[in-house]
Amino acid sequence: MSERIERLEEENEQLRHAIESRPVIDLARGALMATFGCPAEDAWEILVEVSQNSNVKLRVVADVVTAAVTGPEPMPPHLQNHLQTAVERWRSREHEPGAGG
């Protein structure tokens, strides 16, 4: 029984983090959409790619992107490089024959 309670508490904590992270992730998606002219789904994929390739949590990547757009602090160079690579990959997919968008 206690194992089940622990599992439910852990799941509850994960859901709480997801709910708290959602607004900043949406802001970062909007920033990418406005900056690069990409659709919402592609902005999401760019954020996920940066997160995975940099080994940085998605909500942290979103925080950094949002802070770079709204404040005076630039993105850390390693995240900037991953973002540039992800955007270049997205742009090259957009120009492939038969690509939608």
C-alpha atoms as a PDB file:
ATOM      1  CA  MET A   1       0.000   0.000   0.000  1.00  0.00           C
ATOM      2  CA  SER A   2       2.758   2.498   0.871  1.00  0.00           C
ATOM      3  CA  GLU A   3       4.469   1.775  -2.454  1.00  0.00           C
ATOM      4  CA  ARG A   4       1.261   2.741  -4.250  1.00  0.00           C
ATOM      5  CA  ILE A   5       1.008   5.957  -2.217  1.00  0.00           C
ATOM      6  CA  GLU A   6       4.631   6.833  -3.031  1.00  0.00           C
ATOM      7  CA  ARG A   7       3.974   6.244  -6.730  1.00  0.00           C
ATOM      8  CA  LEU A   8       0.862   8.457  -6.625  1.00  0.00           C
ATOM      9  CA  GLU A   9       2.735  11.197  -4.751  1.00  0.00           C
ATOM     10  CA  GLU A  10       5.526  11.088  -7.332  1.00  0.00           C
ATOM     11  CA  GLU A  11       3.017  11.293 -10.178  1.00  0.00           C
ATOM     12  CA  ASN A  12       1.279  14.197  -8.444  1.00  0.00           C
ATOM     13  CA  GLU A  13       4.610  16.026  -8.146  1.00  0.00           C
ATOM     14  CA  GLN A  14       5.363  15.452 -11.846  1.00  0.00           C
ATOM     15  CA  LEU A  15       1.950  16.816 -12.817  1.00  0.00           C
ATOM     16  CA  ARG A  16       2.454  19.864 -10.592  1.00  0.00           C
ATOM     17  CA  HIS A  17       5.791  20.583 -12.289  1.00  0.00           C
ATOM     18  CA  ALA A  18       4.178  20.207 -15.710  1.00  0.00           C
ATOM     19  CA  ILE A  19       1.400  22.656 -14.823  1.00  0.00           C
ATOM     20  CA  GLU A  20       3.907  25.172 -13.449  1.00  0.00           C
ATOM     21  CA  SER A  21       6.152  24.825 -16.513  1.00  0.00           C
ATOM     22  CA  ARG A  22       3.428  25.226 -19.111  1.00  0.00           C
ATOM     23  CA  PRO A  23       3.183  29.057 -19.144  1.00  0.00           C
ATOM     24  CA  VAL A  24       6.918  29.599 -19.657  1.00  0.00           C
ATOM     25  CA  ILE A  25       7.026  26.896 -22.334  1.00  0.00           C
ATOM     26  CA  ASP A  26       4.123  28.582 -24.131  1.00  0.00           C
ATOM     27  CA  LEU A  27       5.914  31.944 -23.910  1.00  0.00           C
ATOM     28  CA  ALA A  28       9.072  30.425 -25.370  1.00  0.00           C
ATOM     29  CA  ARG A  29       7.070  28.817 -28.180  1.00  0.00           C
ATOM     30  CA  GLY A  30       5.516  32.192 -28.920  1.00  0.00           C
ATOM     31  CA  ALA A  31       8.935  33.834 -28.960  1.00  0.00           C
ATOM     32  CA  LEU A  32      10.223  31.269 -31.458  1.00  0.00           C
ATOM     33  CA  MET A  33       7.093  31.633 -33.587  1.00  0.00           C
ATOM     34  CA  ALA A  34       7.492  35.419 -33.683  1.00  0.00           C
ATOM     35  CA  THR A  35      11.240  35.359 -34.233  1.00  0.00           C
ATOM     36  CA  PHE A  36      11.489  32.619 -36.853  1.00  0.00           C
ATOM     37  CA  GLY A  37       7.976  32.550 -38.309  1.00  0.00           C
ATOM     38  CA  CYS A  38       7.451  28.921 -37.444  1.00  0.00           C
ATOM     39  CA  PRO A  39       4.141  27.274 -36.531  1.00  0.00           C
ATOM     40  CA  ALA A  40       3.409  26.340 -32.898  1.00  0.00           C
ATOM     41  CA  GLU A  41       4.085  22.629 -33.441  1.00  0.00           C
ATOM     42  CA  ASP A  42       7.470  23.354 -35.007  1.00  0.00           C
ATOM     43  CA  ALA A  43       8.361  25.774 -32.189  1.00  0.00           C
ATOM     44  CA  TRP A  44       7.607  22.948 -29.740  1.00  0.00           C
ATOM     45  CA  GLU A  45       9.838  20.561 -31.720  1.00  0.00           C
ATOM     46  CA  ILE A  46      12.657  23.124 -31.758  1.00  0.00           C
ATOM     47  CA  LEU A  47      12.459  23.520 -27.962  1.00  0.00           C
ATOM     48  CA  VAL A  48      12.429  19.748 -27.465  1.00  0.00           C
ATOM     49  CA  GLU A  49      15.404  19.314 -29.796  1.00  0.00           C
ATOM     50  CA  VAL A  50      17.414  21.974 -27.952  1.00  0.00           C
ATOM     51  CA  SER A  51      16.525  20.356 -24.636  1.00  0.00           C
ATOM     52  CA  GLN A  52      17.499  16.866 -25.752  1.00  0.00           C
ATOM     53  CA  ASN A  53      20.705  17.865 -27.540  1.00  0.00           C
ATOM     54  CA  SER A  54      21.910  20.112 -24.727  1.00  0.00           C
ATOM     55  CA  ASN A  55      20.815  17.742 -21.940  1.00  0.00           C
ATOM     56  CA  VAL A  56      18.947  20.624 -20.283  1.00  0.00           C
ATOM     57  CA  LYS A  57      15.377  20.261 -19.026  1.00  0.00           C
ATOM     58  CA  LEU A  58      12.737  21.642 -21.370  1.00  0.00           C
ATOM     59  CA  ARG A  59      11.399  24.133 -18.821  1.00  0.00           C
ATOM     60  CA  VAL A  60      14.942  25.462 -18.260  1.00  0.00           C
ATOM     61  CA  VAL A  61      15.446  25.895 -22.020  1.00  0.00           C
ATOM     62  CA  ALA A  62      12.091  27.696 -22.173  1.00  0.00           C
ATOM     63  CA  ASP A  63      13.106  29.947 -19.268  1.00  0.00           C
ATOM     64  CA  VAL A  64      16.355  30.849 -21.016  1.00  0.00           C
ATOM     65  CA  VAL A  65      14.663  31.543 -24.361  1.00  0.00           C
ATOM     66  CA  THR A  66      12.013  33.698 -22.690  1.00  0.00           C
ATOM     67  CA  ALA A  67      14.585  35.595 -20.624  1.00  0.00           C
ATOM     68  CA  ALA A  68      16.726  36.242 -23.706  1.00  0.00           C
ATOM     69  CA  VAL A  69      13.735  37.688 -25.564  1.00  0.00           C
ATOM     70  CA  THR A  70      12.352  39.777 -22.705  1.00  0.00           C
ATOM     71  CA  GLY A  71      15.481  40.860 -20.887  1.00  0.00           C
ATOM     72  CA  PRO A  72      19.009  42.110 -21.346  1.00  0.00           C
ATOM     73  CA  GLU A  73      20.707  38.750 -20.775  1.00  0.00           C
ATOM     74  CA  PRO A  74      21.717  36.791 -23.894  1.00  0.00           C
ATOM     75  CA  MET A  75      21.350  33.034 -24.055  1.00  0.00           C
ATOM     76  CA  PRO A  76      24.337  31.008 -22.864  1.00  0.00           C
ATOM     77  CA  PRO A  77      26.501  30.174 -25.903  1.00  0.00           C
ATOM     78  CA  HIS A  78      25.995  26.398 -25.710  1.00  0.00           C
ATOM     79  CA  LEU A  79      22.197  26.800 -25.759  1.00  0.00           C
ATOM     80  CA  GLN A  80      22.445  29.443 -28.467  1.00  0.00           C
ATOM     81  CA  ASN A  81      24.393  26.969 -30.605  1.00  0.00           C
ATOM     82  CA  HIS A  82      21.819  24.210 -30.058  1.00  0.00           C
ATOM     83  CA  LEU A  83      18.984  26.624 -30.863  1.00  0.00           C
ATOM     84  CA  GLN A  84      20.698  27.786 -34.039  1.00  0.00           C
ATOM     85  CA  THR A  85      21.221  24.170 -35.132  1.00  0.00           C
ATOM     86  CA  ALA A  86      17.588  23.253 -34.398  1.00  0.00           C
ATOM     87  CA  VAL A  87      16.281  26.281 -36.308  1.00  0.00           C
ATOM     88  CA  GLU A  88      18.567  25.543 -39.272  1.00  0.00           C
ATOM     89  CA  ARG A  89      17.342  21.934 -39.296  1.00  0.00           C
ATOM     90  CA  TRP A  90      13.723  23.175 -39.210  1.00  0.00           C
ATOM     91  CA  ARG A  91      14.380  25.604 -42.071  1.00  0.00           C
ATOM     92  CA  SER A  92      15.987  22.902 -44.200  1.00  0.00           C
ATOM     93  CA  ARG A  93      12.969  20.615 -43.629  1.00  0.00           C
ATOM     94  CA  GLU A  94      10.655  23.441 -44.692  1.00  0.00           C
ATOM     95  CA  HIS A  95      12.422  23.693 -48.028  1.00  0.00           C
ATOM     96  CA  GLU A  96      12.423  19.981 -48.818  1.00  0.00           C
ATOM     97  CA  PRO A  97      10.322  18.931 -51.808  1.00  0.00           C
ATOM     98  CA  GLY A  98       6.855  17.976 -50.609  1.00  0.00           C
ATOM     99  CA  ALA A  99       7.277  19.694 -47.230  1.00  0.00           C
ATOM    100  CA  GLY A 100       4.164  21.372 -45.926  1.00  0.00           C
ATOM    101  CA  GLY A 101       4.188  24.964 -44.650  1.00  0.00           C
END
